[in-house]
Amino acid sequence: MEKSNSRQAGIEAAWRTIGIVGVPPRRLIRQMNRQKAVIHDLDALLVRTDLEAATGYLPKAYCAILRTVVLNALNLQLDAVVIDTGPGKCDNARHVATILQDCLAVPVLETCNLDADGAGYPICRSRLPLREKMQRLTDGVKLADPPLSDLPPSQPIAGFWGVPPRDFSLLEFFPEATHIYGWSRCMENKTPADRWLEAYYRPDIPTVFFAQSFCAKTALSQHLARRHPNALYLDTDVTAGSSAKAKIQAFLELSGVFA
């Protein structure tokens, strides 16, 4: 089977196990769901292997999420990879698509998600613990039409702005009713290229602005943190070390979140 980098191509019936990167258009996810394909979110930590193994394909000073994508794609048994290389992901994802097209024996389908029909973001506004919220968001990327949520909205007492971290242990120090903003909210809304929604934040609540080290979104994260009256800007590389966690804990305590 020939490899594909067409942004207009669809999902082939023979693809039973598919790896996705970013948030592909809902029409493609819907095709996968109808075909009952097994979907692997390659952005997530799926393969337990040394991240240094990715240096044969990507520079060491590169986003840990995309290095994780490469390792997952190389080590999982996939029939195809579908990767969003549009503004809803990043230019680096486009370069990773080129590398995977050269390295994998399966099709690598490039897509551009410009979907504007929002699905809402009830998980982001719920009272669930932040780590559980983020897990539900990342799991939800595999469904074109998630079930209606029965989670009531909560009054936010803190905010987490940014992308899902590679290491979810970073999220354990946040209180319940921490609302999620940034690209993670766009992800739940199924509109990853929505620049307005990504830039939205609440100036009246203490907010941690996060991006993965070496990610292009660190620029927006830092910019918005400077504009926010009570913010912590933070980026981490592969894992969330004790220093990063201590900064979050101290920031929330000094902001009176746990008073």
Protein backbone atom coordinates (compact mmCIF):
# COMPACT_ATOMS: atom_id res chain seq x y z
CA MET A 1 0.00 0.00 0.00
CA GLU A 2 1.35 3.44 -0.91
CA LYS A 3 2.01 5.96 1.81
CA SER A 4 -0.22 9.02 1.79
CA ASN A 5 0.27 12.63 2.77
CA SER A 6 -2.95 13.89 1.20
CA ARG A 7 -4.96 16.22 3.42
CA GLN A 8 -8.18 15.20 1.61
CA ALA A 9 -7.85 11.41 1.79
CA GLY A 10 -10.19 9.35 3.91
CA ILE A 11 -9.82 6.34 6.18
CA GLU A 12 -9.44 3.04 4.37
CA ALA A 13 -11.54 0.08 5.48
CA ALA A 14 -8.44 -2.10 5.85
CA TRP A 15 -7.06 0.14 8.59
CA ARG A 16 -8.12 -1.62 11.79
CA THR A 17 -5.54 -0.15 14.18
CA ILE A 18 -4.80 3.54 13.72
CA GLY A 19 -2.48 5.91 15.52
CA ILE A 20 -3.56 9.56 15.73
CA VAL A 21 -1.55 12.68 16.52
CA GLY A 22 -3.21 15.88 17.70
CA VAL A 23 -6.94 16.20 17.02
CA PRO A 24 -7.80 14.99 13.50
CA PRO A 25 -11.02 16.33 11.92
CA ARG A 26 -14.21 14.85 13.33
CA ARG A 27 -15.15 13.41 9.92
CA LEU A 28 -12.06 11.18 10.06
CA ILE A 29 -12.59 10.18 13.70
CA ARG A 30 -16.20 9.42 12.81
CA GLN A 31 -15.03 7.13 10.01
CA MET A 32 -12.74 5.33 12.43
CA ASN A 33 -15.55 4.96 14.97
CA ARG A 34 -17.94 3.58 12.33
CA GLN A 35 -15.33 1.05 11.24
CA LYS A 36 -14.74 0.17 14.92
CA ALA A 37 -11.05 0.77 14.44
CA VAL A 38 -8.78 0.61 17.46
CA ILE A 39 -7.42 4.13 17.96
CA HIS A 40 -4.14 4.85 19.72
CA ASP A 41 -3.45 8.42 20.80
CA LEU A 42 0.24 8.65 19.92
CA ASP A 43 0.63 11.86 21.94
CA ALA A 44 0.09 9.80 25.10
CA LEU A 45 2.62 7.72 26.99
CA LEU A 46 1.87 4.28 25.49
CA VAL A 47 5.27 2.62 25.10
CA ARG A 48 7.53 2.21 28.11
CA THR A 49 10.90 2.82 26.57
CA ASP A 50 13.74 5.26 27.06
CA LEU A 51 12.90 8.57 25.41
CA GLU A 52 16.52 8.87 24.37
CA ALA A 53 15.77 6.25 21.71
CA ALA A 54 14.02 9.01 19.76
CA THR A 55 17.29 10.88 19.23
CA GLY A 56 17.94 8.73 16.16
CA TYR A 57 14.99 10.51 14.53
CA LEU A 58 14.57 13.87 16.30
CA PRO A 59 16.95 16.29 18.03
CA LYS A 60 17.21 15.86 21.79
CA ALA A 61 16.13 19.49 22.30
CA TYR A 62 12.67 18.80 20.86
CA CYS A 63 9.18 18.62 22.31
CA ALA A 64 8.87 15.53 24.51
CA ILE A 65 5.34 14.93 23.24
CA LEU A 66 6.50 14.64 19.64
CA ARG A 67 9.45 12.47 20.63
CA THR A 68 6.88 10.27 22.37
CA VAL A 69 4.81 10.23 19.16
CA VAL A 70 7.78 8.87 17.21
CA LEU A 71 8.53 6.13 19.74
CA ASN A 72 4.88 5.07 19.88
CA ALA A 73 4.63 4.95 16.07
CA LEU A 74 7.80 2.89 15.78
CA ASN A 75 6.91 0.38 18.49
CA LEU A 76 3.15 -0.17 18.07
CA GLN A 77 1.61 -2.45 15.45
CA LEU A 78 -0.33 0.09 13.40
CA ASP A 79 -2.09 -0.05 10.05
CA ALA A 80 -1.84 3.71 9.56
CA VAL A 81 -1.04 7.01 11.25
CA VAL A 82 -3.30 10.07 10.99
CA ILE A 83 -1.60 13.30 12.05
CA ASP A 84 -2.98 16.84 12.20
CA THR A 85 -0.35 19.09 10.66
CA GLY A 86 -2.51 22.22 10.53
CA PRO A 87 -2.70 25.19 12.90
CA GLY A 88 -4.51 23.03 15.45
CA LYS A 89 -1.24 21.24 16.18
CA CYS A 90 2.12 22.79 15.22
CA ASP A 91 4.72 23.08 12.48
CA ASN A 92 6.87 20.56 14.31
CA ALA A 93 4.12 17.96 13.83
CA ARG A 94 4.38 18.54 10.08
CA HIS A 95 8.08 17.77 10.22
CA VAL A 96 7.41 14.66 12.31
CA ALA A 97 4.92 13.53 9.65
CA THR A 98 7.67 13.78 7.04
CA ILE A 99 10.00 11.71 9.21
CA LEU A 100 7.37 9.04 9.88
CA GLN A 101 6.54 8.83 6.17
CA ASP A 102 10.18 7.93 5.55
CA CYS A 103 10.55 5.56 8.51
CA LEU A 104 7.28 3.61 8.65
CA ALA A 105 6.04 0.92 6.29
CA VAL A 106 2.40 1.99 6.81
CA PRO A 107 0.51 5.00 5.40
CA VAL A 108 0.95 8.32 7.18
CA LEU A 109 -2.05 10.53 6.45
CA GLU A 110 -1.64 14.28 7.01
CA THR A 111 -4.79 16.21 7.88
CA CYS A 112 -5.67 19.80 8.67
CA ASN A 113 -8.37 20.23 11.30
CA LEU A 114 -10.15 23.55 10.83
CA ASP A 115 -13.42 22.35 12.37
CA ALA A 116 -15.42 25.23 13.85
CA ASP A 117 -18.49 23.32 15.10
CA GLY A 118 -17.81 23.20 18.84
CA ALA A 119 -18.78 20.23 20.97
CA GLY A 120 -18.60 22.14 24.27
CA TYR A 121 -16.26 21.70 27.22
CA PRO A 122 -18.21 20.44 30.25
CA ILE A 123 -15.28 18.37 31.52
CA CYS A 124 -13.04 21.45 31.64
CA ARG A 125 -15.59 23.25 33.84
CA SER A 126 -16.50 20.37 36.14
CA ARG A 127 -15.47 19.66 39.74
CA LEU A 128 -13.56 16.52 38.86
CA PRO A 129 -9.93 16.29 40.04
CA LEU A 130 -7.69 17.89 37.45
CA ARG A 131 -5.81 14.71 36.60
CA GLU A 132 -9.09 12.87 35.95
CA LYS A 133 -10.34 15.78 33.86
CA MET A 134 -7.25 15.68 31.66
CA GLN A 135 -7.44 11.91 31.29
CA ARG A 136 -11.04 12.19 30.11
CA LEU A 137 -10.06 14.92 27.64
CA THR A 138 -7.28 12.87 26.10
CA ASP A 139 -9.46 9.75 25.98
CA GLY A 140 -12.21 11.79 24.30
CA VAL A 141 -10.05 12.57 21.29
CA LYS A 142 -10.81 9.06 20.03
CA LEU A 143 -14.55 9.80 19.74
CA ALA A 144 -16.09 12.04 17.10
CA ASP A 145 -19.35 12.34 19.05
CA PRO A 146 -18.76 11.96 22.79
CA PRO A 147 -21.80 11.10 24.92
CA LEU A 148 -23.67 13.98 26.49
CA SER A 149 -22.08 14.97 29.75
CA ASP A 150 -23.99 14.87 33.03
CA LEU A 151 -21.25 16.85 34.80
CA PRO A 152 -22.62 20.11 36.23
CA PRO A 153 -20.43 23.22 35.87
CA SER A 154 -18.55 24.40 38.93
CA GLN A 155 -17.37 27.77 40.14
CA PRO A 156 -13.64 27.88 39.35
CA ILE A 157 -11.17 28.56 42.15
CA ALA A 158 -8.03 28.02 40.07
CA GLY A 159 -7.09 27.59 36.43
CA PHE A 160 -4.80 25.39 34.37
CA TRP A 161 -4.05 26.86 30.95
CA GLY A 162 -2.21 24.89 28.31
CA VAL A 163 -1.65 21.52 26.73
CA PRO A 164 -1.94 18.10 28.37
CA PRO A 165 1.44 17.47 30.00
CA ARG A 166 3.37 14.35 29.12
CA ASP A 167 3.60 13.61 32.84
CA PHE A 168 0.14 13.80 34.42
CA SER A 169 1.60 13.77 37.94
CA LEU A 170 2.06 17.52 37.40
CA LEU A 171 -1.71 17.88 37.90
CA GLU A 172 -2.01 16.27 41.30
CA PHE A 173 -1.56 19.42 43.41
CA PHE A 174 -4.48 21.34 41.95
CA PRO A 175 -7.78 21.53 43.87
CA GLU A 176 -11.10 20.31 42.58
CA ALA A 177 -12.93 22.93 40.53
CA THR A 178 -9.72 23.85 38.75
CA HIS A 179 -10.96 24.82 35.32
CA ILE A 180 -9.00 23.96 32.18
CA TYR A 181 -8.23 26.56 29.52
CA GLY A 182 -5.97 26.86 26.48
CA TRP A 183 -5.46 24.17 23.87
CA SER A 184 -6.76 21.47 26.21
CA ARG A 185 -10.15 23.20 26.21
CA CYS A 186 -9.99 23.47 22.41
CA MET A 187 -9.31 19.73 22.33
CA GLU A 188 -12.50 18.91 24.26
CA ASN A 189 -14.43 21.37 22.07
CA LYS A 190 -13.12 19.54 18.94
CA THR A 191 -11.80 22.87 17.56
CA PRO A 192 -8.01 22.65 18.02
CA ALA A 193 -7.33 25.61 15.70
CA ASP A 194 -9.66 28.02 17.54
CA ARG A 195 -7.20 30.79 18.43
CA TRP A 196 -9.76 32.81 20.39
CA LEU A 197 -10.75 29.93 22.60
CA GLU A 198 -7.13 28.93 23.13
CA ALA A 199 -6.20 32.45 24.27
CA TYR A 200 -9.15 32.77 26.67
CA TYR A 201 -8.49 32.82 30.42
CA ARG A 202 -10.10 34.10 33.61
CA PRO A 203 -8.17 37.04 35.12
CA ASP A 204 -10.05 36.70 38.42
CA ILE A 205 -8.65 33.28 39.38
CA PRO A 206 -5.02 32.19 39.99
CA THR A 207 -3.87 30.34 36.89
CA VAL A 208 -0.91 28.18 35.96
CA PHE A 209 0.08 28.71 32.32
CA PHE A 210 1.78 25.57 31.07
CA ALA A 211 3.42 24.34 27.89
CA GLN A 212 5.78 21.47 27.20
CA SER A 213 9.41 22.58 26.89
CA PHE A 214 10.49 23.29 23.29
CA CYS A 215 6.84 23.58 22.25
CA ALA A 216 5.92 26.64 20.15
CA LYS A 217 3.03 27.26 22.55
CA THR A 218 5.50 28.37 25.24
CA ALA A 219 5.45 31.80 23.58
CA LEU A 220 1.68 32.24 24.00
CA SER A 221 1.76 30.67 27.45
CA GLN A 222 4.40 33.10 28.69
CA HIS A 223 2.70 36.07 27.00
CA LEU A 224 -0.68 35.37 28.60
CA ALA A 225 0.93 34.72 31.99
CA ARG A 226 2.50 38.18 31.84
CA ARG A 227 -0.90 39.73 31.15
CA HIS A 228 -2.67 37.79 33.92
CA PRO A 229 -2.72 39.52 37.34
CA ASN A 230 -2.09 36.31 39.29
CA ALA A 231 -0.27 33.72 37.20
CA LEU A 232 2.53 31.19 37.21
CA TYR A 233 4.27 30.41 33.92
CA LEU A 234 5.70 26.91 33.82
CA ASP A 235 7.20 24.56 31.27
CA THR A 236 8.59 21.09 31.83
CA ASP A 237 10.42 18.72 29.52
CA VAL A 238 10.00 14.96 29.89
CA THR A 239 8.81 14.55 33.47
CA ALA A 240 7.41 16.84 36.13
CA GLY A 241 10.25 17.16 38.61
CA SER A 242 10.00 18.07 42.27
CA SER A 243 10.93 21.69 41.53
CA ALA A 244 8.01 22.20 39.14
CA LYS A 245 5.57 20.57 41.54
CA ALA A 246 6.88 22.69 44.42
CA LYS A 247 6.37 25.85 42.36
CA ILE A 248 2.76 24.91 41.67
CA GLN A 249 2.05 24.04 45.29
CA ALA A 250 3.64 27.25 46.58
CA PHE A 251 1.85 29.39 44.00
CA LEU A 252 -1.57 27.95 44.85
CA GLU A 253 -0.98 28.25 48.59
CA LEU A 254 0.24 31.86 48.33
CA SER A 255 -2.78 32.64 46.15
CA GLY A 256 -5.09 31.51 48.95
CA VAL A 257 -6.57 28.62 47.00
CA PHE A 258 -6.35 26.27 49.97
CA ALA A 259 -7.40 28.81 52.59
